[in-house]
Amino acid sequence: MDPTRAHELIEGEHERIKELLAYSAGQRAADLEAAADARTSVFDSATPLAQELLDDAVAEQLSARLAALDRAGERLRAGTHGVSLLSGRPIPDERLEADPAAELLVDEVGRDGIAK
């Protein structure tokens, strides 16, 4: 893949994930504020906890995605972007277009998302 195109894809995805993280943080703050609102007449104490756990899981996944994109940027600067970390074989451009942070070939990834 052309390094300029790879850089555009990585940076575009990085910005999109940062926006999602900011939105998620805003939603979490709004949820906590609503839960603390004493004017709420019906209150289920499990609901805020369940929402907080969900918010934490979403934030964790988004943070992991940012880390993967950061690693992709490092590989791009090192000249190794687009090469499988497992086999050293080239990752097809189509895969990199779909996931600019791809570290493995499709056939190297198991059902659980972990390298075979």
PDB file of N, CA and C in Angstrom:
ATOM      1  N   MET A   1       0.849  -1.180   0.000  1.00  0.00           N
ATOM      2  CA  MET A   1       0.000   0.000   0.000  1.00  0.00           C
ATOM      3  C   MET A   1       0.889   1.236   0.000  1.00  0.00           C
ATOM      4  N   ASP A   2       0.452   2.213  -0.728  1.00  0.00           N
ATOM      5  CA  ASP A   2       1.156   3.485  -0.780  1.00  0.00           C
ATOM      6  C   ASP A   2       1.228   4.077   0.633  1.00  0.00           C
ATOM      7  N   PRO A   3       2.423   4.467   1.094  1.00  0.00           N
ATOM      8  CA  PRO A   3       2.554   5.007   2.452  1.00  0.00           C
ATOM      9  C   PRO A   3       1.682   6.236   2.727  1.00  0.00           C
ATOM     10  N   THR A   4       1.486   7.076   1.718  1.00  0.00           N
ATOM     11  CA  THR A   4       0.633   8.252   1.913  1.00  0.00           C
ATOM     12  C   THR A   4      -0.804   7.827   2.175  1.00  0.00           C
ATOM     13  N   ARG A   5      -1.282   6.856   1.405  1.00  0.00           N
ATOM     14  CA  ARG A   5      -2.646   6.343   1.606  1.00  0.00           C
ATOM     15  C   ARG A   5      -2.753   5.680   2.972  1.00  0.00           C
ATOM     16  N   ALA A   6      -1.762   4.888   3.351  1.00  0.00           N
ATOM     17  CA  ALA A   6      -1.767   4.223   4.653  1.00  0.00           C
ATOM     18  C   ALA A   6      -1.833   5.256   5.778  1.00  0.00           C
ATOM     19  N   HIS A   7      -1.048   6.320   5.646  1.00  0.00           N
ATOM     20  CA  HIS A   7      -1.048   7.379   6.661  1.00  0.00           C
ATOM     21  C   HIS A   7      -2.436   8.018   6.764  1.00  0.00           C
ATOM     22  N   GLU A   8      -3.059   8.298   5.621  1.00  0.00           N
ATOM     23  CA  GLU A   8      -4.405   8.880   5.610  1.00  0.00           C
ATOM     24  C   GLU A   8      -5.407   7.971   6.317  1.00  0.00           C
ATOM     25  N   LEU A   9      -5.336   6.683   6.019  1.00  0.00           N
ATOM     26  CA  LEU A   9      -6.269   5.731   6.635  1.00  0.00           C
ATOM     27  C   LEU A   9      -6.060   5.633   8.134  1.00  0.00           C
ATOM     28  N   ILE A  10      -4.809   5.531   8.543  1.00  0.00           N
ATOM     29  CA  ILE A  10      -4.502   5.413   9.978  1.00  0.00           C
ATOM     30  C   ILE A  10      -4.946   6.665  10.722  1.00  0.00           C
ATOM     31  N   GLU A  11      -4.597   7.826  10.194  1.00  0.00           N
ATOM     32  CA  GLU A  11      -4.960   9.083  10.864  1.00  0.00           C
ATOM     33  C   GLU A  11      -6.468   9.297  10.879  1.00  0.00           C
ATOM     34  N   GLY A  12      -7.141   8.971   9.779  1.00  0.00           N
ATOM     35  CA  GLY A  12      -8.596   9.113   9.730  1.00  0.00           C
ATOM     36  C   GLY A  12      -9.288   8.234  10.759  1.00  0.00           C
ATOM     37  N   GLU A  13      -8.833   6.997  10.849  1.00  0.00           N
ATOM     38  CA  GLU A  13      -9.412   6.068  11.837  1.00  0.00           C
ATOM     39  C   GLU A  13      -9.073   6.525  13.258  1.00  0.00           C
ATOM     40  N   HIS A  14      -7.865   7.025  13.451  1.00  0.00           N
ATOM     41  CA  HIS A  14      -7.448   7.510  14.769  1.00  0.00           C
ATOM     42  C   HIS A  14      -8.354   8.650  15.226  1.00  0.00           C
ATOM     43  N   GLU A  15      -8.631   9.592  14.342  1.00  0.00           N
ATOM     44  CA  GLU A  15      -9.510  10.710  14.684  1.00  0.00           C
ATOM     45  C   GLU A  15     -10.933  10.235  14.970  1.00  0.00           C
ATOM     46  N   ARG A  16     -11.420   9.289  14.170  1.00  0.00           N
ATOM     47  CA  ARG A  16     -12.772   8.761  14.377  1.00  0.00           C
ATOM     48  C   ARG A  16     -12.890   8.090  15.751  1.00  0.00           C
ATOM     49  N   ILE A  17     -11.887   7.323  16.137  1.00  0.00           N
ATOM     50  CA  ILE A  17     -11.919   6.641  17.435  1.00  0.00           C
ATOM     51  C   ILE A  17     -11.807   7.652  18.570  1.00  0.00           C
ATOM     52  N   LYS A  18     -10.974   8.680  18.414  1.00  0.00           N
ATOM     53  CA  LYS A  18     -10.884   9.717  19.445  1.00  0.00           C
ATOM     54  C   LYS A  18     -12.222  10.413  19.640  1.00  0.00           C
ATOM     55  N   GLU A  19     -12.937  10.676  18.548  1.00  0.00           N
ATOM     56  CA  GLU A  19     -14.262  11.295  18.648  1.00  0.00           C
ATOM     57  C   GLU A  19     -15.238  10.369  19.367  1.00  0.00           C
ATOM     58  N   LEU A  20     -15.183   9.074  19.057  1.00  0.00           N
ATOM     59  CA  LEU A  20     -16.055   8.111  19.744  1.00  0.00           C
ATOM     60  C   LEU A  20     -15.740   8.046  21.232  1.00  0.00           C
ATOM     61  N   LEU A  21     -14.462   8.097  21.583  1.00  0.00           N
ATOM     62  CA  LEU A  21     -14.075   8.101  23.004  1.00  0.00           C
ATOM     63  C   LEU A  21     -14.608   9.340  23.710  1.00  0.00           C
ATOM     64  N   ALA A  22     -14.502  10.483  23.072  1.00  0.00           N
ATOM     65  CA  ALA A  22     -15.010  11.724  23.668  1.00  0.00           C
ATOM     66  C   ALA A  22     -16.519  11.649  23.839  1.00  0.00           C
ATOM     67  N   TYR A  23     -17.211  11.141  22.821  1.00  0.00           N
ATOM     68  CA  TYR A  23     -18.660  10.993  22.903  1.00  0.00           C
ATOM     69  C   TYR A  23     -19.031  10.032  24.031  1.00  0.00           C
ATOM     70  N   SER A  24     -18.305   8.923  24.118  1.00  0.00           N
ATOM     71  CA  SER A  24     -18.559   7.927  25.159  1.00  0.00           C
ATOM     72  C   SER A  24     -18.367   8.530  26.551  1.00  0.00           C
ATOM     73  N   ALA A  25     -17.319   9.326  26.709  1.00  0.00           N
ATOM     74  CA  ALA A  25     -17.065   9.974  28.006  1.00  0.00           C
ATOM     75  C   ALA A  25     -18.191  10.941  28.338  1.00  0.00           C
ATOM     76  N   GLY A  26     -18.683  11.667  27.343  1.00  0.00           N
ATOM     77  CA  GLY A  26     -19.795  12.591  27.559  1.00  0.00           C
ATOM     78  C   GLY A  26     -21.066  11.859  27.957  1.00  0.00           C
ATOM     79  N   GLN A  27     -21.321  10.740  27.298  1.00  0.00           N
ATOM     80  CA  GLN A  27     -22.500   9.933  27.630  1.00  0.00           C
ATOM     81  C   GLN A  27     -22.388   9.373  29.046  1.00  0.00           C
ATOM     82  N   ARG A  28     -21.192   8.946  29.398  1.00  0.00           N
ATOM     83  CA  ARG A  28     -20.994   8.402  30.747  1.00  0.00           C
ATOM     84  C   ARG A  28     -21.251   9.479  31.790  1.00  0.00           C
ATOM     85  N   ALA A  29     -20.755  10.677  31.555  1.00  0.00           N
ATOM     86  CA  ALA A  29     -20.981  11.775  32.501  1.00  0.00           C
ATOM     87  C   ALA A  29     -22.467  12.080  32.615  1.00  0.00           C
ATOM     88  N   ALA A  30     -23.166  12.071  31.493  1.00  0.00           N
ATOM     89  CA  ALA A  30     -24.605  12.330  31.514  1.00  0.00           C
ATOM     90  C   ALA A  30     -25.339  11.222  32.265  1.00  0.00           C
ATOM     91  N   ASP A  31     -24.925   9.979  32.074  1.00  0.00           N
ATOM     92  CA  ASP A  31     -25.552   8.863  32.781  1.00  0.00           C
ATOM     93  C   ASP A  31     -25.329   8.969  34.284  1.00  0.00           C
ATOM     94  N   LEU A  32     -24.119   9.332  34.683  1.00  0.00           N
ATOM     95  CA  LEU A  32     -23.828   9.479  36.114  1.00  0.00           C
ATOM     96  C   LEU A  32     -24.621  10.631  36.720  1.00  0.00           C
ATOM     97  N   GLU A  33     -24.745  11.697  35.963  1.00  0.00           N
ATOM     98  CA  GLU A  33     -25.521  12.843  36.441  1.00  0.00           C
ATOM     99  C   GLU A  33     -26.988  12.467  36.609  1.00  0.00           C
ATOM    100  N   ALA A  34     -27.507  11.738  35.650  1.00  0.00           N
ATOM    101  CA  ALA A  34     -28.911  11.316  35.729  1.00  0.00           C
ATOM    102  C   ALA A  34     -29.132  10.379  36.914  1.00  0.00           C
ATOM    103  N   ALA A  35     -28.168   9.496  37.158  1.00  0.00           N
ATOM    104  CA  ALA A  35     -28.292   8.560  38.270  1.00  0.00           C
ATOM    105  C   ALA A  35     -28.243   9.286  39.609  1.00  0.00           C
ATOM    106  N   ALA A  36     -27.481  10.373  39.663  1.00  0.00           N
ATOM    107  CA  ALA A  36     -27.349  11.130  40.908  1.00  0.00           C
ATOM    108  C   ALA A  36     -28.488  12.107  41.133  1.00  0.00           C
ATOM    109  N   ASP A  37     -29.304  12.298  40.123  1.00  0.00           N
ATOM    110  CA  ASP A  37     -30.402  13.252  40.221  1.00  0.00           C
ATOM    111  C   ASP A  37     -31.440  12.748  41.222  1.00  0.00           C
ATOM    112  N   ALA A  38     -31.530  13.423  42.333  1.00  0.00           N
ATOM    113  CA  ALA A  38     -32.447  13.000  43.403  1.00  0.00           C
ATOM    114  C   ALA A  38     -33.909  13.182  43.016  1.00  0.00           C
ATOM    115  N   ARG A  39     -34.166  13.925  41.949  1.00  0.00           N
ATOM    116  CA  ARG A  39     -35.548  14.161  41.546  1.00  0.00           C
ATOM    117  C   ARG A  39     -36.158  12.966  40.818  1.00  0.00           C
ATOM    118  N   THR A  40     -35.347  11.989  40.459  1.00  0.00           N
ATOM    119  CA  THR A  40     -35.862  10.814  39.758  1.00  0.00           C
ATOM    120  C   THR A  40     -36.742  10.029  40.720  1.00  0.00           C
ATOM    121  N   SER A  41     -37.965   9.825  40.327  1.00  0.00           N
ATOM    122  CA  SER A  41     -38.915   9.177  41.235  1.00  0.00           C
ATOM    123  C   SER A  41     -38.738   7.663  41.282  1.00  0.00           C
ATOM    124  N   VAL A  42     -38.350   7.053  40.177  1.00  0.00           N
ATOM    125  CA  VAL A  42     -38.130   5.608  40.147  1.00  0.00           C
ATOM    126  C   VAL A  42     -36.652   5.393  39.922  1.00  0.00           C
ATOM    127  N   PHE A  43     -36.038   4.648  40.836  1.00  0.00           N
ATOM    128  CA  PHE A  43     -34.600   4.472  40.748  1.00  0.00           C
ATOM    129  C   PHE A  43     -34.258   3.006  40.913  1.00  0.00           C
ATOM    130  N   ASP A  44     -33.592   2.458  39.937  1.00  0.00           N
ATOM    131  CA  ASP A  44     -33.103   1.079  39.996  1.00  0.00           C
ATOM    132  C   ASP A  44     -31.598   1.164  40.163  1.00  0.00           C
ATOM    133  N   SER A  45     -31.096   0.801  41.328  1.00  0.00           N
ATOM    134  CA  SER A  45     -29.670   0.960  41.612  1.00  0.00           C
ATOM    135  C   SER A  45     -28.799   0.101  40.709  1.00  0.00           C
ATOM    136  N   ALA A  46     -29.333  -0.954  40.114  1.00  0.00           N
ATOM    137  CA  ALA A  46     -28.535  -1.803  39.229  1.00  0.00           C
ATOM    138  C   ALA A  46     -28.316  -1.159  37.868  1.00  0.00           C
ATOM    139  N   THR A  47     -29.237  -0.308  37.446  1.00  0.00           N
ATOM    140  CA  THR A  47     -29.136   0.288  36.110  1.00  0.00           C
ATOM    141  C   THR A  47     -27.879   1.133  35.942  1.00  0.00           C
ATOM    142  N   PRO A  48     -27.558   2.059  36.872  1.00  0.00           N
ATOM    143  CA  PRO A  48     -26.328   2.840  36.698  1.00  0.00           C
ATOM    144  C   PRO A  48     -25.073   1.958  36.702  1.00  0.00           C
ATOM    145  N   LEU A  49     -25.054   0.924  37.534  1.00  0.00           N
ATOM    146  CA  LEU A  49     -23.905   0.033  37.594  1.00  0.00           C
ATOM    147  C   LEU A  49     -23.743  -0.722  36.277  1.00  0.00           C
ATOM    148  N   ALA A  50     -24.838  -1.224  35.740  1.00  0.00           N
ATOM    149  CA  ALA A  50     -24.783  -1.944  34.468  1.00  0.00           C
ATOM    150  C   ALA A  50     -24.324  -1.009  33.355  1.00  0.00           C
ATOM    151  N   GLN A  51     -24.824   0.204  33.353  1.00  0.00           N
ATOM    152  CA  GLN A  51     -24.421   1.179  32.330  1.00  0.00           C
ATOM    153  C   GLN A  51     -22.952   1.541  32.493  1.00  0.00           C
ATOM    154  N   GLU A  52     -22.500   1.677  33.732  1.00  0.00           N
ATOM    155  CA  GLU A  52     -21.100   2.007  33.971  1.00  0.00           C
ATOM    156  C   GLU A  52     -20.190   0.885  33.466  1.00  0.00           C
ATOM    157  N   LEU A  53     -20.581  -0.354  33.700  1.00  0.00           N
ATOM    158  CA  LEU A  53     -19.795  -1.483  33.204  1.00  0.00           C
ATOM    159  C   LEU A  53     -19.756  -1.498  31.678  1.00  0.00           C
ATOM    160  N   LEU A  54     -20.879  -1.214  31.062  1.00  0.00           N
ATOM    161  CA  LEU A  54     -20.937  -1.148  29.605  1.00  0.00           C
ATOM    162  C   LEU A  54     -20.066  -0.001  29.088  1.00  0.00           C
ATOM    163  N   ASP A  55     -20.177   1.165  29.706  1.00  0.00           N
ATOM    164  CA  ASP A  55     -19.363   2.315  29.312  1.00  0.00           C
ATOM    165  C   ASP A  55     -17.872   1.997  29.437  1.00  0.00           C
ATOM    166  N   ASP A  56     -17.497   1.326  30.531  1.00  0.00           N
ATOM    167  CA  ASP A  56     -16.095   0.944  30.732  1.00  0.00           C
ATOM    168  C   ASP A  56     -15.624  -0.011  29.641  1.00  0.00           C
ATOM    169  N   ALA A  57     -16.463  -0.968  29.279  1.00  0.00           N
ATOM    170  CA  ALA A  57     -16.096  -1.933  28.241  1.00  0.00           C
ATOM    171  C   ALA A  57     -15.922  -1.242  26.892  1.00  0.00           C
ATOM    172  N   VAL A  58     -16.814  -0.324  26.578  1.00  0.00           N
ATOM    173  CA  VAL A  58     -16.717   0.417  25.316  1.00  0.00           C
ATOM    174  C   VAL A  58     -15.441   1.251  25.305  1.00  0.00           C
ATOM    175  N   ALA A  59     -15.165   1.956  26.388  1.00  0.00           N
ATOM    176  CA  ALA A  59     -13.960   2.784  26.472  1.00  0.00           C
ATOM    177  C   ALA A  59     -12.704   1.925  26.356  1.00  0.00           C
ATOM    178  N   GLU A  60     -12.725   0.752  26.961  1.00  0.00           N
ATOM    179  CA  GLU A  60     -11.570  -0.157  26.892  1.00  0.00           C
ATOM    180  C   GLU A  60     -11.329  -0.615  25.451  1.00  0.00           C
ATOM    181  N   GLN A  61     -12.394  -0.971  24.750  1.00  0.00           N
ATOM    182  CA  GLN A  61     -12.260  -1.398  23.353  1.00  0.00           C
ATOM    183  C   GLN A  61     -11.769  -0.254  22.465  1.00  0.00           C
ATOM    184  N   LEU A  62     -12.290   0.929  22.681  1.00  0.00           N
ATOM    185  CA  LEU A  62     -11.852   2.078  21.895  1.00  0.00           C
ATOM    186  C   LEU A  62     -10.388   2.413  22.183  1.00  0.00           C
ATOM    187  N   SER A  63      -9.989   2.310  23.434  1.00  0.00           N
ATOM    188  CA  SER A  63      -8.584   2.560  23.795  1.00  0.00           C
ATOM    189  C   SER A  63      -7.666   1.518  23.170  1.00  0.00           C
ATOM    190  N   ALA A  64      -8.109   0.272  23.141  1.00  0.00           N
ATOM    191  CA  ALA A  64      -7.322  -0.789  22.505  1.00  0.00           C
ATOM    192  C   ALA A  64      -7.179  -0.524  21.002  1.00  0.00           C
ATOM    193  N   ARG A  65      -8.244  -0.018  20.389  1.00  0.00           N
ATOM    194  CA  ARG A  65      -8.201   0.309  18.965  1.00  0.00           C
ATOM    195  C   ARG A  65      -7.219   1.456  18.720  1.00  0.00           C
ATOM    196  N   LEU A  66      -7.227   2.464  19.582  1.00  0.00           N
ATOM    197  CA  LEU A  66      -6.258   3.559  19.441  1.00  0.00           C
ATOM    198  C   LEU A  66      -4.831   3.042  19.553  1.00  0.00           C
ATOM    199  N   ALA A  67      -4.592   2.124  20.488  1.00  0.00           N
ATOM    200  CA  ALA A  67      -3.255   1.550  20.649  1.00  0.00           C
ATOM    201  C   ALA A  67      -2.837   0.784  19.391  1.00  0.00           C
ATOM    202  N   ALA A  68      -3.776   0.047  18.792  1.00  0.00           N
ATOM    203  CA  ALA A  68      -3.478  -0.685  17.557  1.00  0.00           C
ATOM    204  C   ALA A  68      -3.139   0.288  16.427  1.00  0.00           C
ATOM    205  N   LEU A  69      -3.856   1.395  16.359  1.00  0.00           N
ATOM    206  CA  LEU A  69      -3.576   2.402  15.339  1.00  0.00           C
ATOM    207  C   LEU A  69      -2.230   3.080  15.582  1.00  0.00           C
ATOM    208  N   ASP A  70      -1.885   3.289  16.843  1.00  0.00           N
ATOM    209  CA  ASP A  70      -0.571   3.851  17.166  1.00  0.00           C
ATOM    210  C   ASP A  70       0.539   2.895  16.724  1.00  0.00           C
ATOM    211  N   ARG A  71       0.335   1.598  16.965  1.00  0.00           N
ATOM    212  CA  ARG A  71       1.328   0.605  16.520  1.00  0.00           C
ATOM    213  C   ARG A  71       1.440   0.607  14.993  1.00  0.00           C
ATOM    214  N   ALA A  72       0.296   0.744  14.310  1.00  0.00           N
ATOM    215  CA  ALA A  72       0.313   0.796  12.844  1.00  0.00           C
ATOM    216  C   ALA A  72       1.104   2.015  12.363  1.00  0.00           C
ATOM    217  N   GLY A  73       0.920   3.148  13.031  1.00  0.00           N
ATOM    218  CA  GLY A  73       1.688   4.349  12.685  1.00  0.00           C
ATOM    219  C   GLY A  73       3.180   4.146  12.892  1.00  0.00           C
ATOM    220  N   GLU A  74       3.545   3.449  13.963  1.00  0.00           N
ATOM    221  CA  GLU A  74       4.956   3.155  14.222  1.00  0.00           C
ATOM    222  C   GLU A  74       5.526   2.245  13.126  1.00  0.00           C
ATOM    223  N   ARG A  75       4.737   1.233  12.725  1.00  0.00           N
ATOM    224  CA  ARG A  75       5.189   0.345  11.651  1.00  0.00           C
ATOM    225  C   ARG A  75       5.326   1.108  10.336  1.00  0.00           C
ATOM    226  N   LEU A  76       4.418   2.040  10.095  1.00  0.00           N
ATOM    227  CA  LEU A  76       4.490   2.843   8.874  1.00  0.00           C
ATOM    228  C   LEU A  76       5.787   3.656   8.858  1.00  0.00           C
ATOM    229  N   ARG A  77       6.110   4.295   9.983  1.00  0.00           N
ATOM    230  CA  ARG A  77       7.350   5.070  10.076  1.00  0.00           C
ATOM    231  C   ARG A  77       8.588   4.180   9.929  1.00  0.00           C
ATOM    232  N   ALA A  78       8.485   2.940  10.407  1.00  0.00           N
ATOM    233  CA  ALA A  78       9.612   2.003  10.323  1.00  0.00           C
ATOM    234  C   ALA A  78       9.706   1.307   8.964  1.00  0.00           C
ATOM    235  N   GLY A  79       8.682   1.490   8.140  1.00  0.00           N
ATOM    236  CA  GLY A  79       8.683   0.855   6.826  1.00  0.00           C
ATOM    237  C   GLY A  79       8.214  -0.584   6.822  1.00  0.00           C
ATOM    238  N   THR A  80       7.542  -0.998   7.903  1.00  0.00           N
ATOM    239  CA  THR A  80       7.078  -2.389   7.980  1.00  0.00           C
ATOM    240  C   THR A  80       5.555  -2.502   7.991  1.00  0.00           C
ATOM    241  N   HIS A  81       4.855  -1.401   7.766  1.00  0.00           N
ATOM    242  CA  HIS A  81       3.389  -1.452   7.717  1.00  0.00           C
ATOM    243  C   HIS A  81       2.971  -2.280   6.512  1.00  0.00           C
ATOM    244  N   GLY A  82       1.949  -3.109   6.682  1.00  0.00           N
ATOM    245  CA  GLY A  82       1.463  -3.924   5.582  1.00  0.00           C
ATOM    246  C   GLY A  82       2.145  -5.272   5.484  1.00  0.00           C
ATOM    247  N   VAL A  83       2.900  -5.632   6.520  1.00  0.00           N
ATOM    248  CA  VAL A  83       3.580  -6.921   6.572  1.00  0.00           C
ATOM    249  C   VAL A  83       3.109  -7.642   7.838  1.00  0.00           C
ATOM    250  N   SER A  84       2.720  -8.900   7.697  1.00  0.00           N
ATOM    251  CA  SER A  84       2.235  -9.671   8.838  1.00  0.00           C
ATOM    252  C   SER A  84       3.304  -9.786   9.921  1.00  0.00           C
ATOM    253  N   LEU A  85       2.895  -9.544  11.151  1.00  0.00           N
ATOM    254  CA  LEU A  85       3.807  -9.691  12.278  1.00  0.00           C
ATOM    255  C   LEU A  85       4.130 -11.159  12.554  1.00  0.00           C
ATOM    256  N   LEU A  86       3.263 -12.045  12.099  1.00  0.00           N
ATOM    257  CA  LEU A  86       3.440 -13.477  12.348  1.00  0.00           C
ATOM    258  C   LEU A  86       4.307 -14.138  11.279  1.00  0.00           C
ATOM    259  N   SER A  87       3.949 -13.945  10.028  1.00  0.00           N
ATOM    260  CA  SER A  87       4.621 -14.659   8.948  1.00  0.00           C
ATOM    261  C   SER A  87       5.580 -13.808   8.129  1.00  0.00           C
ATOM    262  N   GLY A  88       5.450 -12.480   8.209  1.00  0.00           N
ATOM    263  CA  GLY A  88       6.281 -11.610   7.400  1.00  0.00           C
ATOM    264  C   GLY A  88       5.787 -11.465   5.969  1.00  0.00           C
ATOM    265  N   ARG A  89       4.636 -12.085   5.674  1.00  0.00           N
ATOM    266  CA  ARG A  89       4.071 -11.979   4.327  1.00  0.00           C
ATOM    267  C   ARG A  89       3.308 -10.655   4.198  1.00  0.00           C
ATOM    268  N   PRO A  90       3.206 -10.132   2.971  1.00  0.00           N
ATOM    269  CA  PRO A  90       2.474  -8.876   2.754  1.00  0.00           C
ATOM    270  C   PRO A  90       0.978  -9.033   3.051  1.00  0.00           C
ATOM    271  N   ILE A  91       0.422  -8.024   3.691  1.00  0.00           N
ATOM    272  CA  ILE A  91      -1.019  -7.967   3.944  1.00  0.00           C
ATOM    273  C   ILE A  91      -1.642  -7.286   2.725  1.00  0.00           C
ATOM    274  N   PRO A  92      -2.654  -7.899   2.114  1.00  0.00           N
ATOM    275  CA  PRO A  92      -3.257  -7.294   0.922  1.00  0.00           C
ATOM    276  C   PRO A  92      -3.807  -5.890   1.185  1.00  0.00           C
ATOM    277  N   ASP A  93      -3.704  -5.038   0.164  1.00  0.00           N
ATOM    278  CA  ASP A  93      -4.202  -3.671   0.270  1.00  0.00           C
ATOM    279  C   ASP A  93      -5.675  -3.628   0.657  1.00  0.00           C
ATOM    280  N   GLU A  94      -6.462  -4.584   0.169  1.00  0.00           N
ATOM    281  CA  GLU A  94      -7.899  -4.613   0.481  1.00  0.00           C
ATOM    282  C   GLU A  94      -8.119  -4.750   1.985  1.00  0.00           C
ATOM    283  N   ARG A  95      -7.306  -5.573   2.624  1.00  0.00           N
ATOM    284  CA  ARG A  95      -7.418  -5.753   4.074  1.00  0.00           C
ATOM    285  C   ARG A  95      -7.009  -4.477   4.793  1.00  0.00           C
ATOM    286  N   LEU A  96      -5.952  -3.846   4.327  1.00  0.00           N
ATOM    287  CA  LEU A  96      -5.488  -2.611   4.954  1.00  0.00           C
ATOM    288  C   LEU A  96      -6.464  -1.460   4.739  1.00  0.00           C
ATOM    289  N   GLU A  97      -7.159  -1.464   3.620  1.00  0.00           N
ATOM    290  CA  GLU A  97      -8.206  -0.458   3.398  1.00  0.00           C
ATOM    291  C   GLU A  97      -9.330  -0.648   4.423  1.00  0.00           C
ATOM    292  N   ALA A  98      -9.677  -1.910   4.690  1.00  0.00           N
ATOM    293  CA  ALA A  98     -10.752  -2.210   5.640  1.00  0.00           C
ATOM    294  C   ALA A  98     -10.297  -1.995   7.080  1.00  0.00           C
ATOM    295  N   ASP A  99      -9.023  -2.309   7.351  1.00  0.00           N
ATOM    296  CA  ASP A  99      -8.480  -2.166   8.699  1.00  0.00           C
ATOM    297  C   ASP A  99      -7.022  -1.730   8.594  1.00  0.00           C
ATOM    298  N   PRO A 100      -6.777  -0.427   8.623  1.00  0.00           N
ATOM    299  CA  PRO A 100      -5.405   0.051   8.458  1.00  0.00           C
ATOM    300  C   PRO A 100      -4.463  -0.369   9.587  1.00  0.00           C
ATOM    301  N   ALA A 101      -5.012  -0.877  10.677  1.00  0.00           N
ATOM    302  CA  ALA A 101      -4.183  -1.337  11.791  1.00  0.00           C
ATOM    303  C   ALA A 101      -3.925  -2.847  11.732  1.00  0.00           C
ATOM    304  N   ALA A 102      -4.346  -3.499  10.653  1.00  0.00           N
ATOM    305  CA  ALA A 102      -4.189  -4.956  10.553  1.00  0.00           C
ATOM    306  C   ALA A 102      -2.732  -5.351  10.773  1.00  0.00           C
ATOM    307  N   GLU A 103      -2.548  -6.337  11.632  1.00  0.00           N
ATOM    308  CA  GLU A 103      -1.208  -6.829  11.946  1.00  0.00           C
ATOM    309  C   GLU A 103      -0.968  -8.222  11.390  1.00  0.00           C
ATOM    310  N   LEU A 104      -2.053  -8.898  11.000  1.00  0.00           N
ATOM    311  CA  LEU A 104      -1.965 -10.273  10.524  1.00  0.00           C
ATOM    312  C   LEU A 104      -2.778 -10.450   9.257  1.00  0.00           C
ATOM    313  N   LEU A 105      -2.474 -11.501   8.519  1.00  0.00           N
ATOM    314  CA  LEU A 105      -3.292 -11.904   7.386  1.00  0.00           C
ATOM    315  C   LEU A 105      -4.573 -12.524   7.911  1.00  0.00           C
ATOM    316  N   VAL A 106      -5.616 -12.516   7.116  1.00  0.00           N
ATOM    317  CA  VAL A 106      -6.897 -13.072   7.539  1.00  0.00           C
ATOM    318  C   VAL A 106      -6.737 -14.531   7.955  1.00  0.00           C
ATOM    319  N   ASP A 107      -5.966 -15.318   7.202  1.00  0.00           N
ATOM    320  CA  ASP A 107      -5.822 -16.745   7.521  1.00  0.00           C
ATOM    321  C   ASP A 107      -4.933 -17.007   8.741  1.00  0.00           C
ATOM    322  N   GLU A 108      -4.359 -15.958   9.307  1.00  0.00           N
ATOM    323  CA  GLU A 108      -3.532 -16.095  10.512  1.00  0.00           C
ATOM    324  C   GLU A 108      -4.309 -15.767  11.788  1.00  0.00           C
ATOM    325  N   VAL A 109      -5.552 -15.339  11.629  1.00  0.00           N
ATOM    326  CA  VAL A 109      -6.364 -14.938  12.768  1.00  0.00           C
ATOM    327  C   VAL A 109      -7.378 -16.039  13.056  1.00  0.00           C
ATOM    328  N   GLY A 110      -7.427 -16.504  14.301  1.00  0.00           N
ATOM    329  CA  GLY A 110      -8.402 -17.529  14.691  1.00  0.00           C
ATOM    330  C   GLY A 110      -9.776 -16.931  14.915  1.00  0.00           C
ATOM    331  N   ARG A 111     -10.718 -17.804  15.201  1.00  0.00           N
ATOM    332  CA  ARG A 111     -12.102 -17.351  15.458  1.00  0.00           C
ATOM    333  C   ARG A 111     -12.203 -16.395  16.620  1.00  0.00           C
ATOM    334  N   ASP A 112     -11.300 -16.545  17.578  1.00  0.00           N
ATOM    335  CA  ASP A 112     -11.320 -15.698  18.757  1.00  0.00           C
ATOM    336  C   ASP A 112     -10.603 -14.357  18.539  1.00  0.00           C
ATOM    337  N   GLY A 113     -10.092 -14.148  17.311  1.00  0.00           N
ATOM    338  CA  GLY A 113      -9.409 -12.900  17.001  1.00  0.00           C
ATOM    339  C   GLY A 113      -7.947 -12.917  17.368  1.00  0.00           C
ATOM    340  N   ILE A 114      -7.469 -14.044  17.873  1.00  0.00           N
ATOM    341  CA  ILE A 114      -6.073 -14.179  18.288  1.00  0.00           C
ATOM    342  C   ILE A 114      -5.337 -14.995  17.229  1.00  0.00           C
ATOM    343  N   ALA A 115      -4.078 -14.688  17.038  1.00  0.00           N
ATOM    344  CA  ALA A 115      -3.281 -15.409  16.040  1.00  0.00           C
ATOM    345  C   ALA A 115      -3.349 -16.913  16.280  1.00  0.00           C
ATOM    346  N   LYS A 116      -3.425 -17.651  15.181  1.00  0.00           N
ATOM    347  CA  LYS A 116      -3.467 -19.118  15.276  1.00  0.00           C
ATOM    348  C   LYS A 116      -2.151 -19.658  15.745  1.00  0.00           C
TER     349      LYS A 116
END
